Amino acid sequence: MVSFVLTLKRLLKGIFYAFKDPKFLALFVLTAATLLSGTLFYTRVEGLHWIDALYFCAVTLTTVGHPSFVPSTGLGKAFTVIYMFAGIGLTFAMIARITAGILFPRRMKSEQDEE
């Protein structure tokens, strides 16, 4: 339990530093827009409940994958391919900025001061 609390504290600290970074904010907004657009698409085209569509989008963008859901329409499959290529890079770039905030908070602060 102590390990979890310490890890959570480091994560929140990294997110705190990341939100001060304009590059992270841009990545965050783009990733949120990507999640929203995917969620809307899967609710309308595939008929998923919004929480299931959001979950599918999150596991797709983080490359975890969903073992039992495959889009059932041709349009859904085509969208998913484009969605993966467009969104995975954004998602991992955002995660990388959070990681930088955890591991190198002083460097993040100096980068912000230079801009």
PDB file of N, CA and C in Angstrom:
ATOM      1  N   MET A   1       0.819  -1.192   0.000  1.00  0.00           N
ATOM      2  CA  MET A   1       0.000   0.000   0.000  1.00  0.00           C
ATOM      3  C   MET A   1       0.863   1.255   0.000  1.00  0.00           C
ATOM      4  N   VAL A   2       1.944   1.237   0.746  1.00  0.00           N
ATOM      5  CA  VAL A   2       2.841   2.391   0.798  1.00  0.00           C
ATOM      6  C   VAL A   2       3.437   2.643  -0.587  1.00  0.00           C
ATOM      7  N   SER A   3       3.801   1.579  -1.268  1.00  0.00           N
ATOM      8  CA  SER A   3       4.365   1.707  -2.611  1.00  0.00           C
ATOM      9  C   SER A   3       3.360   2.361  -3.559  1.00  0.00           C
ATOM     10  N   PHE A   4       2.103   1.966  -3.454  1.00  0.00           N
ATOM     11  CA  PHE A   4       1.067   2.555  -4.296  1.00  0.00           C
ATOM     12  C   PHE A   4       0.938   4.047  -4.032  1.00  0.00           C
ATOM     13  N   VAL A   5       0.915   4.436  -2.780  1.00  0.00           N
ATOM     14  CA  VAL A   5       0.763   5.844  -2.413  1.00  0.00           C
ATOM     15  C   VAL A   5       1.948   6.656  -2.936  1.00  0.00           C
ATOM     16  N   LEU A   6       3.157   6.131  -2.794  1.00  0.00           N
ATOM     17  CA  LEU A   6       4.339   6.835  -3.286  1.00  0.00           C
ATOM     18  C   LEU A   6       4.317   6.967  -4.806  1.00  0.00           C
ATOM     19  N   THR A   7       3.899   5.913  -5.486  1.00  0.00           N
ATOM     20  CA  THR A   7       3.814   5.949  -6.943  1.00  0.00           C
ATOM     21  C   THR A   7       2.748   6.939  -7.390  1.00  0.00           C
ATOM     22  N   LEU A   8       1.614   6.942  -6.714  1.00  0.00           N
ATOM     23  CA  LEU A   8       0.552   7.888  -7.034  1.00  0.00           C
ATOM     24  C   LEU A   8       1.021   9.323  -6.814  1.00  0.00           C
ATOM     25  N   LYS A   9       1.762   9.546  -5.748  1.00  0.00           N
ATOM     26  CA  LYS A   9       2.292  10.881  -5.462  1.00  0.00           C
ATOM     27  C   LYS A   9       3.226  11.336  -6.580  1.00  0.00           C
ATOM     28  N   ARG A  10       4.102  10.440  -7.048  1.00  0.00           N
ATOM     29  CA  ARG A  10       5.018  10.779  -8.140  1.00  0.00           C
ATOM     30  C   ARG A  10       4.249  11.053  -9.425  1.00  0.00           C
ATOM     31  N   LEU A  11       3.222  10.260  -9.699  1.00  0.00           N
ATOM     32  CA  LEU A  11       2.417  10.461 -10.897  1.00  0.00           C
ATOM     33  C   LEU A  11       1.726  11.819 -10.863  1.00  0.00           C
ATOM     34  N   LEU A  12       1.103  12.146  -9.754  1.00  0.00           N
ATOM     35  CA  LEU A  12       0.410  13.429  -9.637  1.00  0.00           C
ATOM     36  C   LEU A  12       1.380  14.600  -9.740  1.00  0.00           C
ATOM     37  N   LYS A  13       2.570  14.444  -9.187  1.00  0.00           N
ATOM     38  CA  LYS A  13       3.605  15.474  -9.289  1.00  0.00           C
ATOM     39  C   LYS A  13       4.027  15.650 -10.743  1.00  0.00           C
ATOM     40  N   GLY A  14       4.199  14.534 -11.459  1.00  0.00           N
ATOM     41  CA  GLY A  14       4.554  14.600 -12.873  1.00  0.00           C
ATOM     42  C   GLY A  14       3.473  15.273 -13.696  1.00  0.00           C
ATOM     43  N   ILE A  15       2.224  14.964 -13.411  1.00  0.00           N
ATOM     44  CA  ILE A  15       1.114  15.592 -14.129  1.00  0.00           C
ATOM     45  C   ILE A  15       1.062  17.085 -13.805  1.00  0.00           C
ATOM     46  N   PHE A  16       1.337  17.444 -12.549  1.00  0.00           N
ATOM     47  CA  PHE A  16       1.367  18.851 -12.139  1.00  0.00           C
ATOM     48  C   PHE A  16       2.413  19.614 -12.951  1.00  0.00           C
ATOM     49  N   TYR A  17       3.616  19.062 -13.055  1.00  0.00           N
ATOM     50  CA  TYR A  17       4.657  19.710 -13.846  1.00  0.00           C
ATOM     51  C   TYR A  17       4.296  19.720 -15.329  1.00  0.00           C
ATOM     52  N   ALA A  18       3.704  18.654 -15.808  1.00  0.00           N
ATOM     53  CA  ALA A  18       3.360  18.567 -17.229  1.00  0.00           C
ATOM     54  C   ALA A  18       2.328  19.625 -17.608  1.00  0.00           C
ATOM     55  N   PHE A  19       1.356  19.899 -16.747  1.00  0.00           N
ATOM     56  CA  PHE A  19       0.320  20.874 -17.076  1.00  0.00           C
ATOM     57  C   PHE A  19       0.858  22.299 -17.153  1.00  0.00           C
ATOM     58  N   LYS A  20       2.045  22.523 -16.646  1.00  0.00           N
ATOM     59  CA  LYS A  20       2.666  23.839 -16.780  1.00  0.00           C
ATOM     60  C   LYS A  20       3.373  23.993 -18.119  1.00  0.00           C
ATOM     61  N   ASP A  21       3.491  22.901 -18.862  1.00  0.00           N
ATOM     62  CA  ASP A  21       4.210  22.878 -20.128  1.00  0.00           C
ATOM     63  C   ASP A  21       3.239  23.124 -21.285  1.00  0.00           C
ATOM     64  N   PRO A  22       3.460  24.162 -22.094  1.00  0.00           N
ATOM     65  CA  PRO A  22       2.552  24.433 -23.213  1.00  0.00           C
ATOM     66  C   PRO A  22       2.510  23.291 -24.237  1.00  0.00           C
ATOM     67  N   LYS A  23       3.610  22.588 -24.420  1.00  0.00           N
ATOM     68  CA  LYS A  23       3.620  21.457 -25.352  1.00  0.00           C
ATOM     69  C   LYS A  23       2.718  20.344 -24.836  1.00  0.00           C
ATOM     70  N   PHE A  24       2.763  20.102 -23.537  1.00  0.00           N
ATOM     71  CA  PHE A  24       1.896  19.082 -22.958  1.00  0.00           C
ATOM     72  C   PHE A  24       0.438  19.493 -23.093  1.00  0.00           C
ATOM     73  N   LEU A  25       0.145  20.748 -22.844  1.00  0.00           N
ATOM     74  CA  LEU A  25      -1.244  21.207 -22.947  1.00  0.00           C
ATOM     75  C   LEU A  25      -1.788  20.988 -24.357  1.00  0.00           C
ATOM     76  N   ALA A  26      -0.967  21.283 -25.362  1.00  0.00           N
ATOM     77  CA  ALA A  26      -1.402  21.047 -26.742  1.00  0.00           C
ATOM     78  C   ALA A  26      -1.643  19.560 -26.977  1.00  0.00           C
ATOM     79  N   LEU A  27      -0.736  18.705 -26.502  1.00  0.00           N
ATOM     80  CA  LEU A  27      -0.915  17.266 -26.652  1.00  0.00           C
ATOM     81  C   LEU A  27      -2.140  16.771 -25.900  1.00  0.00           C
ATOM     82  N   PHE A  28      -2.367  17.320 -24.722  1.00  0.00           N
ATOM     83  CA  PHE A  28      -3.519  16.931 -23.911  1.00  0.00           C
ATOM     84  C   PHE A  28      -4.825  17.263 -24.628  1.00  0.00           C
ATOM     85  N   VAL A  29      -4.911  18.470 -25.175  1.00  0.00           N
ATOM     86  CA  VAL A  29      -6.131  18.890 -25.883  1.00  0.00           C
ATOM     87  C   VAL A  29      -6.342  18.020 -27.127  1.00  0.00           C
ATOM     88  N   LEU A  30      -5.279  17.759 -27.879  1.00  0.00           N
ATOM     89  CA  LEU A  30      -5.404  16.929 -29.075  1.00  0.00           C
ATOM     90  C   LEU A  30      -5.803  15.494 -28.725  1.00  0.00           C
ATOM     91  N   THR A  31      -5.231  14.960 -27.658  1.00  0.00           N
ATOM     92  CA  THR A  31      -5.583  13.604 -27.241  1.00  0.00           C
ATOM     93  C   THR A  31      -7.025  13.543 -26.756  1.00  0.00           C
ATOM     94  N   ALA A  32      -7.439  14.543 -25.999  1.00  0.00           N
ATOM     95  CA  ALA A  32      -8.834  14.586 -25.531  1.00  0.00           C
ATOM     96  C   ALA A  32      -9.793  14.704 -26.713  1.00  0.00           C
ATOM     97  N   ALA A  33      -9.438  15.517 -27.705  1.00  0.00           N
ATOM     98  CA  ALA A  33     -10.282  15.646 -28.899  1.00  0.00           C
ATOM     99  C   ALA A  33     -10.334  14.332 -29.674  1.00  0.00           C
ATOM    100  N   THR A  34      -9.215  13.625 -29.724  1.00  0.00           N
ATOM    101  CA  THR A  34      -9.178  12.335 -30.400  1.00  0.00           C
ATOM    102  C   THR A  34     -10.062  11.328 -29.672  1.00  0.00           C
ATOM    103  N   LEU A  35      -9.983  11.289 -28.352  1.00  0.00           N
ATOM    104  CA  LEU A  35     -10.844  10.397 -27.573  1.00  0.00           C
ATOM    105  C   LEU A  35     -12.317  10.745 -27.771  1.00  0.00           C
ATOM    106  N   LEU A  36     -12.633  12.021 -27.761  1.00  0.00           N
ATOM    107  CA  LEU A  36     -14.013  12.455 -27.932  1.00  0.00           C
ATOM    108  C   LEU A  36     -14.539  12.086 -29.318  1.00  0.00           C
ATOM    109  N   SER A  37     -13.736  12.345 -30.341  1.00  0.00           N
ATOM    110  CA  SER A  37     -14.197  12.029 -31.701  1.00  0.00           C
ATOM    111  C   SER A  37     -14.377  10.526 -31.889  1.00  0.00           C
ATOM    112  N   GLY A  38     -13.470   9.737 -31.344  1.00  0.00           N
ATOM    113  CA  GLY A  38     -13.613   8.287 -31.433  1.00  0.00           C
ATOM    114  C   GLY A  38     -14.831   7.792 -30.680  1.00  0.00           C
ATOM    115  N   THR A  39     -15.054   8.343 -29.508  1.00  0.00           N
ATOM    116  CA  THR A  39     -16.208   7.949 -28.705  1.00  0.00           C
ATOM    117  C   THR A  39     -17.505   8.263 -29.439  1.00  0.00           C
ATOM    118  N   LEU A  40     -17.585   9.450 -30.009  1.00  0.00           N
ATOM    119  CA  LEU A  40     -18.784   9.815 -30.766  1.00  0.00           C
ATOM    120  C   LEU A  40     -18.978   8.901 -31.973  1.00  0.00           C
ATOM    121  N   PHE A  41     -17.897   8.601 -32.671  1.00  0.00           N
ATOM    122  CA  PHE A  41     -17.994   7.733 -33.842  1.00  0.00           C
ATOM    123  C   PHE A  41     -18.511   6.349 -33.456  1.00  0.00           C
ATOM    124  N   TYR A  42     -17.909   5.739 -32.445  1.00  0.00           N
ATOM    125  CA  TYR A  42     -18.289   4.372 -32.083  1.00  0.00           C
ATOM    126  C   TYR A  42     -19.688   4.289 -31.476  1.00  0.00           C
ATOM    127  N   THR A  43     -20.144   5.347 -30.836  1.00  0.00           N
ATOM    128  CA  THR A  43     -21.521   5.324 -30.328  1.00  0.00           C
ATOM    129  C   THR A  43     -22.515   5.413 -31.477  1.00  0.00           C
ATOM    130  N   ARG A  44     -22.192   6.215 -32.484  1.00  0.00           N
ATOM    131  CA  ARG A  44     -23.138   6.393 -33.590  1.00  0.00           C
ATOM    132  C   ARG A  44     -23.063   5.273 -34.620  1.00  0.00           C
ATOM    133  N   VAL A  45     -21.872   4.891 -35.027  1.00  0.00           N
ATOM    134  CA  VAL A  45     -21.728   3.927 -36.117  1.00  0.00           C
ATOM    135  C   VAL A  45     -21.796   2.485 -35.620  1.00  0.00           C
ATOM    136  N   GLU A  46     -21.137   2.198 -34.512  1.00  0.00           N
ATOM    137  CA  GLU A  46     -21.092   0.825 -34.007  1.00  0.00           C
ATOM    138  C   GLU A  46     -22.174   0.537 -32.970  1.00  0.00           C
ATOM    139  N   GLY A  47     -22.868   1.584 -32.510  1.00  0.00           N
ATOM    140  CA  GLY A  47     -23.957   1.392 -31.558  1.00  0.00           C
ATOM    141  C   GLY A  47     -23.510   1.061 -30.141  1.00  0.00           C
ATOM    142  N   LEU A  48     -22.295   1.440 -29.786  1.00  0.00           N
ATOM    143  CA  LEU A  48     -21.807   1.176 -28.429  1.00  0.00           C
ATOM    144  C   LEU A  48     -22.361   2.207 -27.454  1.00  0.00           C
ATOM    145  N   HIS A  49     -22.483   1.820 -26.202  1.00  0.00           N
ATOM    146  CA  HIS A  49     -22.795   2.766 -25.133  1.00  0.00           C
ATOM    147  C   HIS A  49     -21.587   3.689 -25.008  1.00  0.00           C
ATOM    148  N   TRP A  50     -21.792   4.933 -24.593  1.00  0.00           N
ATOM    149  CA  TRP A  50     -20.694   5.899 -24.594  1.00  0.00           C
ATOM    150  C   TRP A  50     -19.516   5.468 -23.726  1.00  0.00           C
ATOM    151  N   ILE A  51     -19.773   4.814 -22.596  1.00  0.00           N
ATOM    152  CA  ILE A  51     -18.656   4.409 -21.729  1.00  0.00           C
ATOM    153  C   ILE A  51     -17.880   3.261 -22.373  1.00  0.00           C
ATOM    154  N   ASP A  52     -18.571   2.368 -23.075  1.00  0.00           N
ATOM    155  CA  ASP A  52     -17.885   1.289 -23.791  1.00  0.00           C
ATOM    156  C   ASP A  52     -17.064   1.852 -24.950  1.00  0.00           C
ATOM    157  N   ALA A  53     -17.620   2.843 -25.638  1.00  0.00           N
ATOM    158  CA  ALA A  53     -16.896   3.470 -26.748  1.00  0.00           C
ATOM    159  C   ALA A  53     -15.648   4.195 -26.242  1.00  0.00           C
ATOM    160  N   LEU A  54     -15.776   4.914 -25.127  1.00  0.00           N
ATOM    161  CA  LEU A  54     -14.616   5.598 -24.535  1.00  0.00           C
ATOM    162  C   LEU A  54     -13.553   4.596 -24.106  1.00  0.00           C
ATOM    163  N   TYR A  55     -13.991   3.510 -23.486  1.00  0.00           N
ATOM    164  CA  TYR A  55     -13.056   2.461 -23.063  1.00  0.00           C
ATOM    165  C   TYR A  55     -12.340   1.866 -24.276  1.00  0.00           C
ATOM    166  N   PHE A  56     -13.078   1.578 -25.347  1.00  0.00           N
ATOM    167  CA  PHE A  56     -12.464   1.024 -26.548  1.00  0.00           C
ATOM    168  C   PHE A  56     -11.454   2.004 -27.130  1.00  0.00           C
ATOM    169  N   CYS A  57     -11.785   3.282 -27.140  1.00  0.00           N
ATOM    170  CA  CYS A  57     -10.853   4.288 -27.647  1.00  0.00           C
ATOM    171  C   CYS A  57      -9.583   4.340 -26.808  1.00  0.00           C
ATOM    172  N   ALA A  58      -9.734   4.299 -25.488  1.00  0.00           N
ATOM    173  CA  ALA A  58      -8.561   4.357 -24.604  1.00  0.00           C
ATOM    174  C   ALA A  58      -7.667   3.137 -24.779  1.00  0.00           C
ATOM    175  N   VAL A  59      -8.242   1.954 -24.852  1.00  0.00           N
ATOM    176  CA  VAL A  59      -7.402   0.761 -25.004  1.00  0.00           C
ATOM    177  C   VAL A  59      -6.803   0.692 -26.406  1.00  0.00           C
ATOM    178  N   THR A  60      -7.453   1.283 -27.386  1.00  0.00           N
ATOM    179  CA  THR A  60      -6.883   1.330 -28.726  1.00  0.00           C
ATOM    180  C   THR A  60      -5.705   2.290 -28.779  1.00  0.00           C
ATOM    181  N   LEU A  61      -5.866   3.484 -28.217  1.00  0.00           N
ATOM    182  CA  LEU A  61      -4.806   4.493 -28.280  1.00  0.00           C
ATOM    183  C   LEU A  61      -3.601   4.143 -27.416  1.00  0.00           C
ATOM    184  N   THR A  62      -3.789   3.329 -26.414  1.00  0.00           N
ATOM    185  CA  THR A  62      -2.647   2.917 -25.588  1.00  0.00           C
ATOM    186  C   THR A  62      -2.086   1.574 -26.037  1.00  0.00           C
ATOM    187  N   THR A  63      -2.587   1.040 -27.115  1.00  0.00           N
ATOM    188  CA  THR A  63      -2.176  -0.220 -27.740  1.00  0.00           C
ATOM    189  C   THR A  63      -2.389  -1.437 -26.851  1.00  0.00           C
ATOM    190  N   VAL A  64      -3.241  -1.315 -25.845  1.00  0.00           N
ATOM    191  CA  VAL A  64      -3.574  -2.465 -25.006  1.00  0.00           C
ATOM    192  C   VAL A  64      -4.447  -3.429 -25.803  1.00  0.00           C
ATOM    193  N   GLY A  65      -5.422  -2.881 -26.485  1.00  0.00           N
ATOM    194  CA  GLY A  65      -6.329  -3.705 -27.283  1.00  0.00           C
ATOM    195  C   GLY A  65      -7.481  -4.244 -26.466  1.00  0.00           C
ATOM    196  N   HIS A  66      -8.514  -4.629 -27.160  1.00  0.00           N
ATOM    197  CA  HIS A  66      -9.705  -5.182 -26.513  1.00  0.00           C
ATOM    198  C   HIS A  66      -9.914  -6.584 -27.072  1.00  0.00           C
ATOM    199  N   PRO A  67      -9.922  -7.598 -26.216  1.00  0.00           N
ATOM    200  CA  PRO A  67      -9.942  -8.975 -26.713  1.00  0.00           C
ATOM    201  C   PRO A  67     -11.238  -9.407 -27.393  1.00  0.00           C
ATOM    202  N   SER A  68     -12.353  -8.794 -27.035  1.00  0.00           N
ATOM    203  CA  SER A  68     -13.610  -9.310 -27.573  1.00  0.00           C
ATOM    204  C   SER A  68     -14.333  -8.354 -28.510  1.00  0.00           C
ATOM    205  N   PHE A  69     -13.898  -7.106 -28.613  1.00  0.00           N
ATOM    206  CA  PHE A  69     -14.604  -6.176 -29.498  1.00  0.00           C
ATOM    207  C   PHE A  69     -13.795  -5.933 -30.761  1.00  0.00           C
ATOM    208  N   VAL A  70     -14.448  -6.116 -31.877  1.00  0.00           N
ATOM    209  CA  VAL A  70     -13.912  -5.776 -33.189  1.00  0.00           C
ATOM    210  C   VAL A  70     -15.015  -4.987 -33.881  1.00  0.00           C
ATOM    211  N   PRO A  71     -14.695  -3.851 -34.480  1.00  0.00           N
ATOM    212  CA  PRO A  71     -15.750  -3.116 -35.175  1.00  0.00           C
ATOM    213  C   PRO A  71     -16.481  -4.016 -36.170  1.00  0.00           C
ATOM    214  N   SER A  72     -17.796  -3.876 -36.217  1.00  0.00           N
ATOM    215  CA  SER A  72     -18.594  -4.789 -37.039  1.00  0.00           C
ATOM    216  C   SER A  72     -18.861  -4.266 -38.440  1.00  0.00           C
ATOM    217  N   THR A  73     -18.724  -2.970 -38.652  1.00  0.00           N
ATOM    218  CA  THR A  73     -18.981  -2.406 -39.976  1.00  0.00           C
ATOM    219  C   THR A  73     -17.670  -2.146 -40.704  1.00  0.00           C
ATOM    220  N   GLY A  74     -17.750  -2.109 -41.995  1.00  0.00           N
ATOM    221  CA  GLY A  74     -16.567  -1.779 -42.793  1.00  0.00           C
ATOM    222  C   GLY A  74     -16.079  -0.374 -42.499  1.00  0.00           C
ATOM    223  N   LEU A  75     -17.026   0.557 -42.345  1.00  0.00           N
ATOM    224  CA  LEU A  75     -16.672   1.930 -42.003  1.00  0.00           C
ATOM    225  C   LEU A  75     -15.976   1.978 -40.641  1.00  0.00           C
ATOM    226  N   GLY A  76     -16.475   1.200 -39.693  1.00  0.00           N
ATOM    227  CA  GLY A  76     -15.866   1.157 -38.359  1.00  0.00           C
ATOM    228  C   GLY A  76     -14.445   0.622 -38.398  1.00  0.00           C
ATOM    229  N   LYS A  77     -14.220  -0.395 -39.208  1.00  0.00           N
ATOM    230  CA  LYS A  77     -12.870  -0.957 -39.328  1.00  0.00           C
ATOM    231  C   LYS A  77     -11.924   0.028 -39.998  1.00  0.00           C
ATOM    232  N   ALA A  78     -12.386   0.690 -41.055  1.00  0.00           N
ATOM    233  CA  ALA A  78     -11.548   1.686 -41.735  1.00  0.00           C
ATOM    234  C   ALA A  78     -11.224   2.856 -40.800  1.00  0.00           C
ATOM    235  N   PHE A  79     -12.241   3.323 -40.067  1.00  0.00           N
ATOM    236  CA  PHE A  79     -12.020   4.409 -39.120  1.00  0.00           C
ATOM    237  C   PHE A  79     -11.007   4.003 -38.062  1.00  0.00           C
ATOM    238  N   THR A  80     -11.098   2.772 -37.574  1.00  0.00           N
ATOM    239  CA  THR A  80     -10.207   2.308 -36.518  1.00  0.00           C
ATOM    240  C   THR A  80      -8.759   2.313 -36.990  1.00  0.00           C
ATOM    241  N   VAL A  81      -8.517   1.922 -38.210  1.00  0.00           N
ATOM    242  CA  VAL A  81      -7.140   1.941 -38.740  1.00  0.00           C
ATOM    243  C   VAL A  81      -6.602   3.368 -38.767  1.00  0.00           C
ATOM    244  N   ILE A  82      -7.376   4.288 -39.297  1.00  0.00           N
ATOM    245  CA  ILE A  82      -6.947   5.693 -39.355  1.00  0.00           C
ATOM    246  C   ILE A  82      -6.811   6.257 -37.945  1.00  0.00           C
ATOM    247  N   TYR A  83      -7.751   5.913 -37.080  1.00  0.00           N
ATOM    248  CA  TYR A  83      -7.756   6.373 -35.692  1.00  0.00           C
ATOM    249  C   TYR A  83      -6.491   5.937 -34.960  1.00  0.00           C
ATOM    250  N   MET A  84      -6.085   4.698 -35.185  1.00  0.00           N
ATOM    251  CA  MET A  84      -4.866   4.204 -34.532  1.00  0.00           C
ATOM    252  C   MET A  84      -3.644   4.976 -35.013  1.00  0.00           C
ATOM    253  N   PHE A  85      -3.494   5.144 -36.334  1.00  0.00           N
ATOM    254  CA  PHE A  85      -2.331   5.849 -36.854  1.00  0.00           C
ATOM    255  C   PHE A  85      -2.285   7.306 -36.383  1.00  0.00           C
ATOM    256  N   ALA A  86      -3.432   7.937 -36.297  1.00  0.00           N
ATOM    257  CA  ALA A  86      -3.482   9.334 -35.878  1.00  0.00           C
ATOM    258  C   ALA A  86      -3.316   9.501 -34.374  1.00  0.00           C
ATOM    259  N   GLY A  87      -3.886   8.591 -33.601  1.00  0.00           N
ATOM    260  CA  GLY A  87      -3.961   8.811 -32.161  1.00  0.00           C
ATOM    261  C   GLY A  87      -2.871   8.210 -31.307  1.00  0.00           C
ATOM    262  N   ILE A  88      -2.262   7.132 -31.743  1.00  0.00           N
ATOM    263  CA  ILE A  88      -1.267   6.468 -30.903  1.00  0.00           C
ATOM    264  C   ILE A  88      -0.056   7.370 -30.667  1.00  0.00           C
ATOM    265  N   GLY A  89       0.396   8.046 -31.710  1.00  0.00           N
ATOM    266  CA  GLY A  89       1.536   8.952 -31.552  1.00  0.00           C
ATOM    267  C   GLY A  89       1.238  10.080 -30.582  1.00  0.00           C
ATOM    268  N   LEU A  90       0.052  10.663 -30.696  1.00  0.00           N
ATOM    269  CA  LEU A  90      -0.344  11.734 -29.770  1.00  0.00           C
ATOM    270  C   LEU A  90      -0.382  11.241 -28.332  1.00  0.00           C
ATOM    271  N   THR A  91      -0.976  10.070 -28.145  1.00  0.00           N
ATOM    272  CA  THR A  91      -1.120   9.523 -26.804  1.00  0.00           C
ATOM    273  C   THR A  91       0.237   9.251 -26.171  1.00  0.00           C
ATOM    274  N   PHE A  92       1.131   8.631 -26.921  1.00  0.00           N
ATOM    275  CA  PHE A  92       2.444   8.321 -26.355  1.00  0.00           C
ATOM    276  C   PHE A  92       3.295   9.567 -26.152  1.00  0.00           C
ATOM    277  N   ALA A  93       3.127  10.582 -26.997  1.00  0.00           N
ATOM    278  CA  ALA A  93       3.836  11.845 -26.778  1.00  0.00           C
ATOM    279  C   ALA A  93       3.360  12.505 -25.482  1.00  0.00           C
ATOM    280  N   MET A  94       2.053  12.439 -25.229  1.00  0.00           N
ATOM    281  CA  MET A  94       1.523  13.002 -23.988  1.00  0.00           C
ATOM    282  C   MET A  94       2.043  12.231 -22.775  1.00  0.00           C
ATOM    283  N   ILE A  95       2.050  10.908 -22.874  1.00  0.00           N
ATOM    284  CA  ILE A  95       2.572  10.084 -21.781  1.00  0.00           C
ATOM    285  C   ILE A  95       4.053  10.370 -21.557  1.00  0.00           C
ATOM    286  N   ALA A  96       4.798  10.599 -22.634  1.00  0.00           N
ATOM    287  CA  ALA A  96       6.224  10.916 -22.518  1.00  0.00           C
ATOM    288  C   ALA A  96       6.436  12.234 -21.785  1.00  0.00           C
ATOM    289  N   ARG A  97       5.574  13.214 -22.026  1.00  0.00           N
ATOM    290  CA  ARG A  97       5.708  14.501 -21.320  1.00  0.00           C
ATOM    291  C   ARG A  97       5.394  14.342 -19.834  1.00  0.00           C
ATOM    292  N   ILE A  98       4.426  13.499 -19.494  1.00  0.00           N
ATOM    293  CA  ILE A  98       4.141  13.231 -18.078  1.00  0.00           C
ATOM    294  C   ILE A  98       5.346  12.537 -17.448  1.00  0.00           C
ATOM    295  N   THR A  99       5.918  11.584 -18.161  1.00  0.00           N
ATOM    296  CA  THR A  99       7.096  10.873 -17.657  1.00  0.00           C
ATOM    297  C   THR A  99       8.252  11.837 -17.437  1.00  0.00           C
ATOM    298  N   ALA A 100       8.445  12.763 -18.361  1.00  0.00           N
ATOM    299  CA  ALA A 100       9.498  13.765 -18.197  1.00  0.00           C
ATOM    300  C   ALA A 100       9.241  14.619 -16.954  1.00  0.00           C
ATOM    301  N   GLY A 101       7.978  14.926 -16.695  1.00  0.00           N
ATOM    302  CA  GLY A 101       7.639  15.678 -15.481  1.00  0.00           C
ATOM    303  C   GLY A 101       7.942  14.904 -14.215  1.00  0.00           C
ATOM    304  N   ILE A 102       7.831  13.573 -14.278  1.00  0.00           N
ATOM    305  CA  ILE A 102       8.141  12.734 -13.112  1.00  0.00           C
ATOM    306  C   ILE A 102       9.648  12.604 -12.929  1.00  0.00           C
ATOM    307  N   LEU A 103      10.336  12.305 -14.024  1.00  0.00           N
ATOM    308  CA  LEU A 103      11.765  11.993 -13.927  1.00  0.00           C
ATOM    309  C   LEU A 103      12.659  13.226 -13.938  1.00  0.00           C
ATOM    310  N   PHE A 104      12.267  14.260 -14.662  1.00  0.00           N
ATOM    311  CA  PHE A 104      13.118  15.432 -14.832  1.00  0.00           C
ATOM    312  C   PHE A 104      12.364  16.730 -14.581  1.00  0.00           C
ATOM    313  N   PRO A 105      11.818  16.928 -13.393  1.00  0.00           N
ATOM    314  CA  PRO A 105      11.004  18.134 -13.160  1.00  0.00           C
ATOM    315  C   PRO A 105      11.805  19.424 -13.300  1.00  0.00           C
ATOM    316  N   ARG A 106      13.073  19.390 -12.934  1.00  0.00           N
ATOM    317  CA  ARG A 106      13.894  20.610 -13.045  1.00  0.00           C
ATOM    318  C   ARG A 106      14.135  20.978 -14.504  1.00  0.00           C
ATOM    319  N   ARG A 107      14.348  19.963 -15.348  1.00  0.00           N
ATOM    320  CA  ARG A 107      14.552  20.219 -16.768  1.00  0.00           C
ATOM    321  C   ARG A 107      13.286  20.793 -17.386  1.00  0.00           C
ATOM    322  N   MET A 108      12.133  20.260 -16.985  1.00  0.00           N
ATOM    323  CA  MET A 108      10.865  20.778 -17.508  1.00  0.00           C
ATOM    324  C   MET A 108      10.707  22.245 -17.118  1.00  0.00           C
ATOM    325  N   LYS A 109      11.090  22.561 -15.875  1.00  0.00           N
ATOM    326  CA  LYS A 109      10.965  23.935 -15.406  1.00  0.00           C
ATOM    327  C   LYS A 109      11.904  24.848 -16.172  1.00  0.00           C
ATOM    328  N   SER A 110      13.131  24.396 -16.432  1.00  0.00           N
ATOM    329  CA  SER A 110      14.086  25.244 -17.163  1.00  0.00           C
ATOM    330  C   SER A 110      13.662  25.419 -18.617  1.00  0.00           C
ATOM    331  N   GLU A 111      13.042  24.405 -19.236  1.00  0.00           N
ATOM    332  CA  GLU A 111      12.528  24.528 -20.599  1.00  0.00           C
ATOM    333  C   GLU A 111      11.429  25.587 -20.655  1.00  0.00           C
ATOM    334  N   GLN A 112      10.595  25.616 -19.634  1.00  0.00           N
ATOM    335  CA  GLN A 112       9.508  26.590 -19.603  1.00  0.00           C
ATOM    336  C   GLN A 112      10.050  27.989 -19.407  1.00  0.00           C
ATOM    337  N   ASP A 113      11.108  28.133 -18.601  1.00  0.00           N
ATOM    338  CA  ASP A 113      11.700  29.436 -18.357  1.00  0.00           C
ATOM    339  C   ASP A 113      12.379  29.992 -19.616  1.00  0.00           C
ATOM    340  N   GLU A 114      12.912  29.105 -20.464  1.00  0.00           N
ATOM    341  CA  GLU A 114      13.582  29.531 -21.691  1.00  0.00           C
ATOM    342  C   GLU A 114      12.596  30.049 -22.716  1.00  0.00           C
ATOM    343  N   GLU A 115      11.371  29.540 -22.706  1.00  0.00           N
ATOM    344  CA  GLU A 115      10.367  29.942 -23.720  1.00  0.00           C
ATOM    345  C   GLU A 115       9.724  31.209 -23.370  1.00  0.00           C
TER     346      GLU A 115
END
